[in-house]
Amino acid sequence: MKRKHQCRVYGNFIVENNATIRGTAQEFGVAKTTVYNHVTKTLPKVDEELAEKVRKVLEKNKAERHIRGGLANRAKYRK
């Protein structure tokens, strides 16, 4: 029961905040693997509609991560 509730909580957080797996894990104080497994494996079995929304956010984040990495690297070496 708790696992189903947690996967919904993580899923809602990701959708509402346009969050990454890593950001969600930091927010809830759990491992990235835990969040990933909850939203990719358990959530589709529990709530397909929310799982689809989460998948879209994660795909968008994945497509943009090279940009965020570049900006972080740029900021690091400008100091």
C-alpha atoms as a PDB file:
ATOM      1  CA  MET A   1       0.000   0.000   0.000  1.00  0.00           C
ATOM      2  CA  LYS A   2       2.745   2.450   0.929  1.00  0.00           C
ATOM      3  CA  ARG A   3       4.605   1.825  -2.343  1.00  0.00           C
ATOM      4  CA  LYS A   4       1.524   2.708  -4.404  1.00  0.00           C
ATOM      5  CA  HIS A   5       1.065   5.895  -2.414  1.00  0.00           C
ATOM      6  CA  GLN A   6       4.736   6.853  -2.725  1.00  0.00           C
ATOM      7  CA  CYS A   7       4.824   6.357  -6.477  1.00  0.00           C
ATOM      8  CA  ARG A   8       1.835   8.720  -6.815  1.00  0.00           C
ATOM      9  CA  VAL A   9       3.527  11.271  -4.548  1.00  0.00           C
ATOM     10  CA  TYR A  10       6.748  11.151  -6.584  1.00  0.00           C
ATOM     11  CA  GLY A  11       4.806  11.281  -9.853  1.00  0.00           C
ATOM     12  CA  ASN A  12       2.751  14.292  -8.789  1.00  0.00           C
ATOM     13  CA  PHE A  13       5.883  16.095  -7.608  1.00  0.00           C
ATOM     14  CA  ILE A  14       7.638  15.502 -10.929  1.00  0.00           C
ATOM     15  CA  VAL A  15       4.658  16.725 -12.960  1.00  0.00           C
ATOM     16  CA  GLU A  16       3.862  19.761 -10.774  1.00  0.00           C
ATOM     17  CA  ASN A  17       7.462  20.952 -10.504  1.00  0.00           C
ATOM     18  CA  ASN A  18       8.828  19.761 -13.850  1.00  0.00           C
ATOM     19  CA  ALA A  19      11.387  17.979 -11.680  1.00  0.00           C
ATOM     20  CA  THR A  20      14.110  15.512 -12.540  1.00  0.00           C
ATOM     21  CA  ILE A  21      14.586  12.107 -10.947  1.00  0.00           C
ATOM     22  CA  ARG A  22      17.600  13.464  -9.060  1.00  0.00           C
ATOM     23  CA  GLY A  23      15.731  16.551  -7.848  1.00  0.00           C
ATOM     24  CA  THR A  24      12.807  14.443  -6.678  1.00  0.00           C
ATOM     25  CA  ALA A  25      15.128  12.073  -4.832  1.00  0.00           C
ATOM     26  CA  GLN A  26      16.827  14.985  -3.069  1.00  0.00           C
ATOM     27  CA  GLU A  27      13.475  16.523  -2.132  1.00  0.00           C
ATOM     28  CA  PHE A  28      12.228  13.319  -0.485  1.00  0.00           C
ATOM     29  CA  GLY A  29      15.563  12.114   0.876  1.00  0.00           C
ATOM     30  CA  VAL A  30      15.596   8.806  -1.007  1.00  0.00           C
ATOM     31  CA  ALA A  31      17.841   7.208  -3.603  1.00  0.00           C
ATOM     32  CA  LYS A  32      17.519   8.075  -7.297  1.00  0.00           C
ATOM     33  CA  THR A  33      16.985   4.392  -8.030  1.00  0.00           C
ATOM     34  CA  THR A  34      14.004   4.318  -5.678  1.00  0.00           C
ATOM     35  CA  VAL A  35      12.310   7.236  -7.416  1.00  0.00           C
ATOM     36  CA  TYR A  36      13.129   5.842 -10.857  1.00  0.00           C
ATOM     37  CA  ASN A  37      11.700   2.411 -10.056  1.00  0.00           C
ATOM     38  CA  HIS A  38       8.579   3.888  -8.485  1.00  0.00           C
ATOM     39  CA  VAL A  39       7.733   6.181 -11.405  1.00  0.00           C
ATOM     40  CA  THR A  40       8.739   3.881 -14.283  1.00  0.00           C
ATOM     41  CA  LYS A  41       7.758   0.434 -13.043  1.00  0.00           C
ATOM     42  CA  THR A  42       5.133   0.756 -10.308  1.00  0.00           C
ATOM     43  CA  LEU A  43       3.295   3.938 -11.327  1.00  0.00           C
ATOM     44  CA  PRO A  44       2.095   2.654 -14.734  1.00  0.00           C
ATOM     45  CA  LYS A  45       0.416  -0.258 -12.942  1.00  0.00           C
ATOM     46  CA  VAL A  46      -1.220   2.063 -10.404  1.00  0.00           C
ATOM     47  CA  ASP A  47      -2.151   5.186 -12.415  1.00  0.00           C
ATOM     48  CA  GLU A  48      -1.603   5.085 -16.171  1.00  0.00           C
ATOM     49  CA  GLU A  49      -2.636   8.696 -16.772  1.00  0.00           C
ATOM     50  CA  LEU A  50      -0.180  10.100 -14.220  1.00  0.00           C
ATOM     51  CA  ALA A  51       2.523   7.737 -15.498  1.00  0.00           C
ATOM     52  CA  GLU A  52       2.104   9.160 -19.013  1.00  0.00           C
ATOM     53  CA  LYS A  53       2.456  12.727 -17.717  1.00  0.00           C
ATOM     54  CA  VAL A  54       5.579  11.754 -15.766  1.00  0.00           C
ATOM     55  CA  ARG A  55       7.049  10.036 -18.823  1.00  0.00           C
ATOM     56  CA  LYS A  56       6.604  13.224 -20.887  1.00  0.00           C
ATOM     57  CA  VAL A  57       8.305  15.374 -18.243  1.00  0.00           C
ATOM     58  CA  LEU A  58      11.194  12.916 -17.943  1.00  0.00           C
ATOM     59  CA  GLU A  59      11.632  12.759 -21.724  1.00  0.00           C
ATOM     60  CA  LYS A  60      11.733  16.564 -21.870  1.00  0.00           C
ATOM     61  CA  ASN A  61      14.296  16.659 -19.047  1.00  0.00           C
ATOM     62  CA  LYS A  62      16.406  14.039 -20.792  1.00  0.00           C
ATOM     63  CA  ALA A  63      16.343  16.024 -24.024  1.00  0.00           C
ATOM     64  CA  GLU A  64      17.462  19.176 -22.193  1.00  0.00           C
ATOM     65  CA  ARG A  65      20.076  17.730 -19.860  1.00  0.00           C
ATOM     66  CA  HIS A  66      23.025  18.429 -22.145  1.00  0.00           C
ATOM     67  CA  ILE A  67      22.083  22.112 -22.002  1.00  0.00           C
ATOM     68  CA  ARG A  68      21.868  22.153 -18.199  1.00  0.00           C
ATOM     69  CA  GLY A  69      25.205  20.344 -17.993  1.00  0.00           C
ATOM     70  CA  GLY A  70      26.812  22.880 -20.281  1.00  0.00           C
ATOM     71  CA  LEU A  71      25.474  25.789 -18.252  1.00  0.00           C
ATOM     72  CA  ALA A  72      26.706  24.241 -15.011  1.00  0.00           C
ATOM     73  CA  ASN A  73      30.134  23.650 -16.518  1.00  0.00           C
ATOM     74  CA  ARG A  74      30.260  27.211 -17.819  1.00  0.00           C
ATOM     75  CA  ALA A  75      29.348  28.630 -14.412  1.00  0.00           C
ATOM     76  CA  LYS A  76      31.946  26.436 -12.736  1.00  0.00           C
ATOM     77  CA  TYR A  77      34.822  27.736 -14.855  1.00  0.00           C
ATOM     78  CA  ARG A  78      33.763  31.382 -14.885  1.00  0.00           C
ATOM     79  CA  LYS A  79      34.561  31.745 -11.169  1.00  0.00           C
END
